[in-house]
Protein backbone atom coordinates (compact mmCIF):
# COMPACT_ATOMS: atom_id res chain seq x y z
CA MET A 1 -91.48 20.78 -19.89
CA SER A 2 -91.24 21.33 -16.11
CA LYS A 3 -91.22 17.45 -15.53
CA PHE A 4 -88.19 16.99 -17.27
CA ARG A 5 -86.58 20.47 -15.66
CA LYS A 6 -87.33 18.54 -12.54
CA LEU A 7 -85.38 15.34 -13.67
CA LEU A 8 -82.10 17.84 -14.87
CA LYS A 9 -82.16 19.25 -11.39
CA ASN A 10 -82.20 16.06 -9.41
CA LYS A 11 -79.87 14.69 -11.65
CA ALA A 12 -77.67 17.57 -10.95
CA ARG A 13 -78.12 17.30 -7.05
CA ARG A 14 -77.26 13.62 -7.25
CA ASN A 15 -73.85 14.34 -9.58
CA HIS A 16 -72.95 16.87 -6.81
CA TYR A 17 -73.49 14.42 -4.39
CA ILE A 18 -71.30 11.93 -5.66
CA VAL A 19 -68.72 14.38 -6.54
CA GLY A 20 -68.81 15.70 -2.55
CA ILE A 21 -68.51 12.25 -1.60
CA VAL A 22 -65.36 11.45 -3.89
CA ILE A 23 -63.64 14.35 -2.76
CA LEU A 24 -64.38 13.85 0.87
CA ILE A 25 -63.02 10.43 0.70
CA ALA A 26 -59.85 11.58 -1.43
CA THR A 27 -59.51 14.35 1.41
CA ALA A 28 -59.61 11.88 3.94
CA PHE A 29 -57.32 9.34 1.91
CA SER A 30 -54.61 12.09 1.69
CA PHE A 31 -55.00 13.19 5.29
CA ILE A 32 -54.35 9.60 6.56
CA LEU A 33 -51.57 9.15 4.23
CA PHE A 34 -50.29 12.70 5.67
CA ILE A 35 -50.65 11.50 9.00
CA GLN A 36 -48.85 7.87 8.22
CA ARG A 37 -45.79 10.00 6.73
CA PHE A 38 -45.80 12.28 9.43
CA ALA A 39 -45.64 9.77 11.97
CA TYR A 40 -42.94 7.85 10.23
CA ILE A 41 -40.60 11.11 9.64
CA SER A 42 -41.27 12.02 13.39
CA MET A 43 -40.39 8.23 14.66
CA SER A 44 -37.71 7.58 12.20
CA LYS A 45 -36.29 10.97 11.61
CA GLN A 46 -35.74 10.25 8.00
CA TYR A 47 -36.43 11.73 4.76
CA ASP A 48 -35.51 10.46 1.44
CA GLY A 49 -32.73 8.74 3.16
CA VAL A 50 -31.36 11.72 4.90
CA ASN A 51 -30.82 11.69 8.56
CA LEU A 52 -32.65 14.92 9.82
CA VAL A 53 -31.14 15.04 12.98
CA GLN A 54 -27.83 14.90 11.78
CA LYS A 55 -28.55 17.52 8.96
CA THR A 56 -29.74 19.83 11.54
CA LYS A 57 -26.54 19.27 13.57
CA GLN A 58 -24.47 19.73 10.49
CA LYS A 59 -26.06 22.83 10.08
CA TYR A 60 -25.93 24.33 13.51
CA GLU A 61 -22.88 22.93 14.50
CA ARG A 62 -19.05 23.62 13.87
CA VAL A 63 -17.15 20.12 13.82
CA THR A 64 -13.01 21.12 14.22
CA LYS A 65 -10.59 18.10 14.13
CA VAL A 66 -7.88 18.45 16.64
CA ASN A 67 -4.91 16.68 15.34
CA ALA A 68 -3.15 13.89 17.51
CA LYS A 69 0.82 14.56 17.39
CA ARG A 70 2.88 12.03 15.72
CA GLY A 71 4.91 10.13 17.82
CA ASP A 72 8.91 10.75 17.45
CA ILE A 73 11.14 8.20 15.96
CA LEU A 74 14.62 7.72 18.41
CA ASP A 75 17.79 6.13 18.66
CA VAL A 76 18.90 3.66 21.25
CA ASN A 77 19.95 6.74 23.67
CA GLY A 78 16.66 8.64 22.75
CA ASP A 79 18.38 11.28 20.37
CA MET A 80 15.99 12.46 17.75
CA ILE A 81 15.83 10.96 14.19
CA ALA A 82 12.48 11.78 13.14
CA GLY A 83 9.65 13.94 14.46
CA ASP A 84 6.64 16.89 13.57
CA SER A 85 7.44 20.09 11.99
CA THR A 86 5.78 22.84 10.06
CA ILE A 87 6.48 24.12 6.31
CA TYR A 88 5.07 26.85 4.38
CA ASN A 89 3.66 27.13 0.74
CA ILE A 90 4.17 30.91 -0.34
CA TYR A 91 1.45 32.66 -2.89
CA ALA A 92 0.72 36.07 -4.15
CA ILE A 93 -2.17 37.92 -4.55
CA VAL A 94 -2.11 39.55 -8.38
CA ASP A 95 -5.91 41.20 -8.14
CA HIS A 96 -5.74 44.66 -7.90
CA LYS A 97 -9.00 44.56 -5.89
CA SER A 98 -7.78 42.72 -2.77
CA LYS A 99 -7.21 45.14 0.28
CA THR A 100 -6.47 44.49 3.95
CA VAL A 101 -9.15 45.21 7.02
CA ASP A 102 -7.59 48.58 7.01
CA GLY A 103 -7.86 49.26 2.94
CA LYS A 104 -4.29 48.95 2.32
CA ALA A 105 -3.20 46.89 -1.06
CA ASP A 106 -2.73 43.15 -0.41
CA TYR A 107 -1.63 42.62 -4.21
CA VAL A 108 1.89 42.62 -5.52
CA VAL A 109 2.17 46.43 -5.83
CA ASP A 110 5.97 46.40 -7.13
CA LYS A 111 6.52 43.34 -9.13
CA ASP A 112 10.37 43.86 -9.89
CA LYS A 113 10.96 44.07 -6.07
CA THR A 114 9.04 41.77 -5.13
CA ALA A 115 10.84 39.41 -7.69
CA GLN A 116 14.27 40.57 -6.61
CA VAL A 117 13.51 39.80 -2.97
CA LEU A 118 11.70 36.28 -3.32
CA SER A 119 15.19 35.06 -6.09
CA LYS A 120 17.32 35.45 -2.85
CA TYR A 121 15.14 32.78 -1.00
CA LEU A 122 13.64 30.43 -3.86
CA SER A 123 15.44 28.61 -6.45
CA LEU A 124 14.18 30.92 -9.06
CA SER A 125 15.42 33.91 -10.77
CA LYS A 126 13.86 37.21 -11.23
CA LYS A 127 12.47 36.76 -14.93
CA GLN A 128 10.66 33.56 -13.72
CA ILE A 129 9.32 35.20 -10.65
CA LYS A 130 8.08 38.16 -12.62
CA LYS A 131 6.36 35.42 -15.29
CA TYR A 132 4.70 34.06 -12.28
CA LEU A 133 3.28 37.31 -11.00
CA THR A 134 2.01 38.04 -14.58
CA PRO A 135 -0.54 35.41 -15.29
CA VAL A 136 -2.39 35.47 -18.73
CA SER A 137 -5.65 35.61 -17.27
CA LYS A 138 -6.40 39.11 -16.04
CA LYS A 139 -9.48 37.67 -13.61
CA GLN A 140 -7.08 35.50 -11.51
CA TYR A 141 -6.73 36.06 -8.15
CA GLN A 142 -3.82 34.76 -7.05
CA VAL A 143 -0.49 32.76 -8.15
CA GLU A 144 2.07 29.99 -6.82
CA PHE A 145 5.55 29.54 -7.65
CA GLY A 146 5.39 25.85 -8.25
CA PRO A 147 7.47 23.46 -6.61
CA SER A 148 10.12 26.02 -5.59
CA GLY A 149 7.08 27.78 -3.67
CA ARG A 150 6.55 24.85 -1.66
CA GLY A 151 8.35 23.16 1.55
CA LEU A 152 9.76 26.43 2.95
CA SER A 153 11.23 26.22 6.25
CA ILE A 154 10.37 28.43 8.94
CA GLU A 155 13.31 30.25 8.70
CA ILE A 156 12.81 31.07 4.87
CA LYS A 157 9.57 31.72 5.58
CA ARG A 158 10.43 34.67 8.83
CA LYS A 159 13.10 35.86 6.51
CA ILE A 160 10.74 36.47 3.54
CA ALA A 161 7.64 37.82 5.89
CA ALA A 162 10.28 40.13 7.47
CA LYS A 163 10.45 42.07 3.77
CA LYS A 164 6.78 43.12 4.31
CA LEU A 165 5.99 42.47 0.59
CA PRO A 166 2.34 43.54 -0.04
CA GLY A 167 0.52 40.60 -1.35
CA ILE A 168 2.96 37.85 -0.31
CA HIS A 169 1.30 35.43 2.21
CA PHE A 170 2.03 31.56 3.24
CA ILE A 171 -0.34 28.72 3.64
CA GLU A 172 1.00 26.72 7.18
CA LEU A 173 1.14 23.05 6.72
CA PRO A 174 1.95 20.11 8.95
CA SER A 175 5.29 18.33 7.80
CA ARG A 176 8.13 15.96 9.16
CA SER A 177 11.44 16.90 10.29
CA TYR A 178 14.60 14.46 9.84
CA PRO A 179 17.22 16.63 11.71
CA ASN A 180 20.25 14.61 10.57
CA GLY A 181 19.67 14.67 6.95
CA VAL A 182 20.87 11.46 5.53
CA PHE A 183 20.75 9.23 8.74
CA ALA A 184 19.07 5.52 7.47
CA THR A 185 16.87 7.04 5.49
CA ASN A 186 16.25 3.49 3.94
CA LEU A 187 14.81 2.12 7.28
CA VAL A 188 13.33 5.21 8.99
CA GLY A 189 11.38 5.92 5.44
CA ILE A 190 9.45 9.49 5.09
CA THR A 191 5.72 10.67 5.39
CA LYS A 192 3.80 12.84 2.95
CA ALA A 193 0.57 15.07 4.06
CA ASP A 194 -2.72 13.30 3.48
CA ASP A 195 -3.91 16.68 1.78
CA ALA A 196 -1.17 18.70 0.87
CA ASN A 197 -3.41 21.97 0.62
CA ASP A 198 -4.87 21.47 3.94
CA LYS A 199 -3.24 23.07 6.90
CA ASN A 200 -5.42 20.41 9.46
CA SER A 201 -4.23 17.59 7.28
CA ASN A 202 -2.80 14.36 9.18
CA ILE A 203 0.30 13.11 8.01
CA SER A 204 1.08 9.35 6.99
CA GLY A 205 4.09 7.26 6.59
CA VAL A 206 4.62 6.08 2.85
CA MET A 207 8.17 3.94 3.55
CA GLY A 208 10.32 2.40 5.96
CA ILE A 209 9.38 2.60 9.80
CA GLU A 210 7.26 5.55 9.10
CA LYS A 211 4.94 3.41 7.11
CA TYR A 212 5.48 -0.11 9.14
CA PHE A 213 4.34 1.95 12.43
CA ASN A 214 2.09 4.45 10.93
CA LYS A 215 -0.93 3.32 13.38
CA VAL A 216 1.16 3.66 16.37
CA LEU A 217 3.15 7.03 15.60
CA SER A 218 -0.35 8.55 14.43
CA GLY A 219 -2.24 8.21 17.66
CA LYS A 220 -6.03 9.18 17.39
CA ASN A 221 -7.43 12.38 16.48
CA GLY A 222 -9.81 14.69 18.66
CA LYS A 223 -12.97 16.69 17.74
CA GLN A 224 -14.01 20.28 19.33
CA ILE A 225 -17.99 20.99 18.66
CA THR A 226 -19.23 24.61 18.88
CA LYS A 227 -23.28 25.71 18.11
CA VAL A 228 -23.51 28.08 15.82
CA ASP A 229 -26.32 30.09 14.08
CA LYS A 230 -27.48 29.47 10.57
CA ASN A 231 -24.69 32.16 9.05
CA GLY A 232 -22.01 30.14 10.92
CA ASN A 233 -21.46 32.44 13.64
CA GLU A 234 -20.43 30.91 16.62
CA LEU A 235 -23.49 31.43 19.02
CA PRO A 236 -22.12 33.55 22.36
CA GLY A 237 -22.31 31.89 25.56
CA SER A 238 -22.60 27.94 23.80
CA GLN A 239 -20.83 25.51 25.49
CA MET A 240 -18.00 23.73 23.60
CA VAL A 241 -18.03 19.99 23.26
CA GLU A 242 -14.39 18.87 23.34
CA LYS A 243 -12.99 14.81 22.21
CA LYS A 244 -9.40 15.30 23.28
CA SER A 245 -7.05 13.56 21.02
CA ALA A 246 -4.53 10.79 21.66
CA ASP A 247 -1.23 11.58 20.51
CA GLY A 248 0.91 8.88 19.01
CA SER A 249 3.57 6.67 20.69
CA ASN A 250 7.35 7.26 20.40
CA ILE A 251 9.16 4.51 18.50
CA TYR A 252 12.78 3.58 20.00
CA LEU A 253 15.06 1.97 17.28
CA THR A 254 18.37 -0.07 18.30
CA LEU A 255 20.18 2.87 16.12
CA ASN A 256 23.21 4.45 17.56
CA SER A 257 23.21 7.67 16.08
CA LYS A 258 27.24 8.02 16.38
CA ILE A 259 27.76 4.91 15.03
CA GLN A 260 25.16 5.53 12.09
CA GLN A 261 26.85 8.77 11.30
CA TYR A 262 30.11 7.19 10.97
CA ALA A 263 28.28 4.67 8.78
CA GLU A 264 26.71 7.36 6.54
CA ILE A 265 30.61 9.08 6.30
CA LEU A 266 31.99 5.72 5.44
CA ALA A 267 29.63 5.11 2.61
CA GLN A 268 29.52 8.58 1.26
CA THR A 269 33.32 7.87 1.07
CA VAL A 270 32.98 5.04 -0.61
CA GLU A 271 30.33 5.47 -3.30
CA GLU A 272 32.52 9.14 -4.54
CA LYS A 273 35.69 7.32 -4.76
CA TYR A 274 34.54 3.82 -6.57
CA GLU A 275 31.13 4.84 -7.79
CA PRO A 276 29.36 1.48 -7.08
CA LYS A 277 26.25 0.51 -8.16
CA ASN A 278 24.98 -0.20 -5.04
CA LEU A 279 26.70 -0.64 -1.49
CA GLN A 280 25.14 -1.31 1.93
CA ILE A 281 26.74 -1.10 5.55
CA LEU A 282 24.96 -2.97 8.32
CA VAL A 283 26.46 -3.21 12.02
CA MET A 284 25.30 -5.53 14.36
CA ASN A 285 25.89 -6.24 18.03
CA ALA A 286 27.21 -9.75 17.81
CA LYS A 287 25.98 -10.51 21.49
CA THR A 288 22.71 -9.15 21.32
CA GLY A 289 21.76 -8.85 17.55
CA ALA A 290 20.86 -5.40 17.65
CA ILE A 291 21.50 -3.47 14.56
CA GLU A 292 23.44 -0.19 15.55
CA ALA A 293 23.79 1.10 12.08
CA ALA A 294 22.23 0.59 8.71
CA THR A 295 22.77 2.87 5.47
CA GLN A 296 23.09 1.64 1.60
CA ARG A 297 23.59 3.74 -1.59
CA PRO A 298 21.99 5.21 -3.45
CA THR A 299 20.09 6.66 -0.62
CA PHE A 300 18.01 10.05 -0.90
CA ASN A 301 17.23 13.27 1.35
CA PRO A 302 14.38 12.52 3.36
CA THR A 303 13.48 16.40 3.85
CA THR A 304 14.11 17.24 0.23
CA GLY A 305 12.91 14.12 -1.27
CA LYS A 306 16.32 14.61 -3.38
CA GLY A 307 17.84 10.99 -5.07
CA LEU A 308 14.14 9.48 -4.54
CA SER A 309 12.53 7.69 -7.48
CA ASN A 310 10.01 5.43 -8.21
CA SER A 311 12.65 2.68 -8.55
CA TRP A 312 14.25 3.48 -5.38
CA ARG A 313 13.73 0.48 -2.96
CA ASP A 314 15.31 -0.65 0.89
CA THR A 315 18.07 -3.07 -0.97
CA LEU A 316 19.12 -4.19 2.82
CA VAL A 317 15.38 -5.93 3.06
CA GLU A 318 14.28 -6.01 -0.37
CA ASP A 319 16.63 -7.53 -2.36
CA GLN A 320 18.80 -11.01 -1.79
CA PHE A 321 22.11 -11.27 -0.62
CA GLU A 322 24.62 -13.98 -1.93
CA PRO A 323 26.36 -14.72 1.35
CA GLY A 324 29.59 -15.91 -0.19
CA SER A 325 32.19 -16.97 2.32
CA VAL A 326 29.82 -16.20 5.28
CA MET A 327 28.40 -19.46 4.55
CA LYS A 328 31.61 -21.33 5.33
CA ILE A 329 31.10 -20.48 9.43
CA LEU A 330 27.47 -21.95 8.76
CA THR A 331 28.93 -25.19 7.06
CA LEU A 332 31.58 -25.64 9.85
CA SER A 333 29.48 -25.25 12.47
CA ALA A 334 27.07 -27.41 11.34
CA SER A 335 29.76 -30.13 10.71
CA ILE A 336 30.79 -30.01 14.35
CA ASP A 337 27.31 -30.05 15.77
CA SER A 338 26.30 -33.11 13.49
CA GLY A 339 29.40 -34.85 14.72
CA ASN A 340 30.80 -35.44 11.33
CA TYR A 341 34.02 -33.26 11.81
CA ASN A 342 37.42 -34.71 11.71
CA PRO A 343 39.69 -32.16 12.08
CA ASN A 344 42.38 -34.86 11.06
CA GLN A 345 40.92 -35.98 8.05
CA LEU A 346 43.08 -35.20 4.46
CA TYR A 347 41.49 -33.74 1.51
CA GLN A 348 42.82 -32.74 -1.88
CA SER A 349 42.55 -29.25 -1.95
CA GLY A 350 42.47 -27.03 -5.52
CA THR A 351 39.31 -28.44 -7.39
CA VAL A 352 36.94 -30.88 -6.91
CA GLU A 353 33.51 -32.05 -9.27
CA VAL A 354 30.23 -31.88 -7.95
CA GLY A 355 27.30 -32.71 -10.31
CA GLY A 356 29.17 -32.13 -13.42
CA ARG A 357 30.45 -28.36 -12.41
CA THR A 358 34.31 -27.66 -10.87
CA ILE A 359 34.44 -26.00 -7.80
CA GLY A 360 37.94 -24.22 -6.93
CA ASP A 361 39.48 -22.62 -4.22
CA TRP A 362 40.28 -19.07 -4.55
CA ASN A 363 43.53 -19.13 -5.67
CA THR A 364 42.74 -21.92 -8.11
CA ALA A 365 45.93 -24.10 -7.39
CA GLY A 366 45.07 -25.08 -3.87
CA TRP A 367 47.82 -26.27 -1.27
CA GLY A 368 47.98 -29.94 -2.06
CA TYR A 369 46.75 -32.42 0.68
CA ILE A 370 45.70 -30.51 3.88
CA PRO A 371 43.85 -31.36 7.18
CA LEU A 372 40.42 -30.41 7.29
CA SER A 373 41.46 -28.11 10.01
CA GLU A 374 43.03 -25.94 7.90
CA ALA A 375 39.89 -25.51 5.59
CA PHE A 376 37.89 -22.62 7.24
CA THR A 377 41.13 -20.69 8.01
CA ARG A 378 42.21 -20.89 4.33
CA SER A 379 38.80 -19.89 3.02
CA SER A 380 39.06 -23.16 0.95
CA ASN A 381 35.86 -23.78 -1.10
CA VAL A 382 36.69 -27.48 -1.92
CA GLY A 383 37.07 -28.07 1.98
CA MET A 384 33.52 -26.75 2.53
CA VAL A 385 32.43 -29.11 -0.03
CA LYS A 386 33.93 -31.94 1.73
CA LEU A 387 32.51 -30.99 4.91
CA GLU A 388 29.15 -31.06 3.55
CA GLN A 389 29.66 -34.52 1.78
CA GLU A 390 30.50 -35.99 5.26
CA MET A 391 27.21 -34.49 6.77
CA GLY A 392 25.04 -35.68 3.86
CA SER A 393 22.52 -33.52 1.98
CA GLU A 394 19.75 -34.48 4.58
CA THR A 395 21.37 -33.04 7.19
CA TRP A 396 23.04 -30.04 5.91
CA MET A 397 19.27 -29.08 4.72
CA GLU A 398 18.02 -29.49 8.30
CA TYR A 399 20.95 -27.29 9.45
CA MET A 400 19.85 -24.85 6.71
CA LYS A 401 16.48 -25.08 8.34
CA LYS A 402 18.12 -24.05 11.77
CA PHE A 403 19.89 -21.55 10.59
CA HIS A 404 16.85 -19.97 8.95
CA ILE A 405 18.23 -19.73 5.42
CA GLY A 406 15.78 -19.11 2.71
CA GLN A 407 13.36 -17.63 5.29
CA LYS A 408 12.42 -14.08 6.35
CA THR A 409 13.71 -12.52 9.44
CA GLY A 410 10.37 -10.92 10.52
CA VAL A 411 11.98 -7.68 11.01
CA ASP A 412 9.61 -4.62 11.40
CA LEU A 413 10.13 -3.08 7.71
CA PRO A 414 7.91 -3.35 4.69
CA GLY A 415 8.81 -5.21 1.73
CA GLU A 416 11.28 -7.92 3.08
CA VAL A 417 11.92 -11.17 0.90
CA SER A 418 13.36 -14.25 2.07
CA GLY A 419 17.03 -14.45 2.13
């Protein structure tokens, strides 16, 4: 019996020894893995794909974006066409628990008075404003006033703020000012905020020159970095690191404000009197080719957006234009330049058959037999056909290419089609 007990004790000791060895090996292996993992994290500064250095910086550094000033768009004389400005969105606090720092009510106390005042400055009736001020949910903290409460000018904001209505507040937002209103709007274009609810948002061009030169106008944003504690409070005495912004460049156009204003007046007068489907006015300096005025109807107000729709387009560059009698100038000059022009050659005016089609002069009857020298002065379609026939199709096509007919001009505007 004692021999059996001795065997059991020896076996127990052996088992304890084996278990101890296993635990020792497992502990050593785990320690080695821990050391390897620790070394990897220490060297790579990565944990589960997260950069620990960046994570620490994010927690103890506050990075504030410093917006670059968007460049202005100016006319040939340096007069402002588009520039940076500020707009305001209005909102009202309706939660009766809201207080100012000095303990006063910071919510709409008198709905009737508030609605009465705001109805003078917003395109809403007193009844509509009271409806906004009375939300369905009693837990709602604040309300806005739809499109009528957005994009307010500094003048309107100041007038409302002067009334000192409890609970009425404003959000300041970046915007773009077009002081001339409808002024070459089809060319200049418009902008919009990248984030309509962020007062520190950038604005970007979405149409016209504002879009085409957006990178040039935008510049590059800067930033300010300050040290903060774990609660986000700025550490006293900490040094601020700043990367300065680079403001956008100004864009100078060949437009002349005085000529452009006159073109806008003419376009508006014609539109109101004759109600055309489309209307374009383009004024070009004949010697330099500089565009001094350009407008179209229909158009829109760049500040309010009135008249702008999804189907709107810049017809001056996005639509093809049938030149009509303007081609007579090109035809005559090509005929003379190619050496095929004989001013004394007579032709029968009135009508001519070409490719199974009849082409007639504007008065259909013509003027009998007349010399080619009179074809241009009489604006004779038949005479132009005769000039083209004398040149031949290959020569005529060469001159069409020289005149860049059927090609893009390369104007600095988006959406240009061949013309």
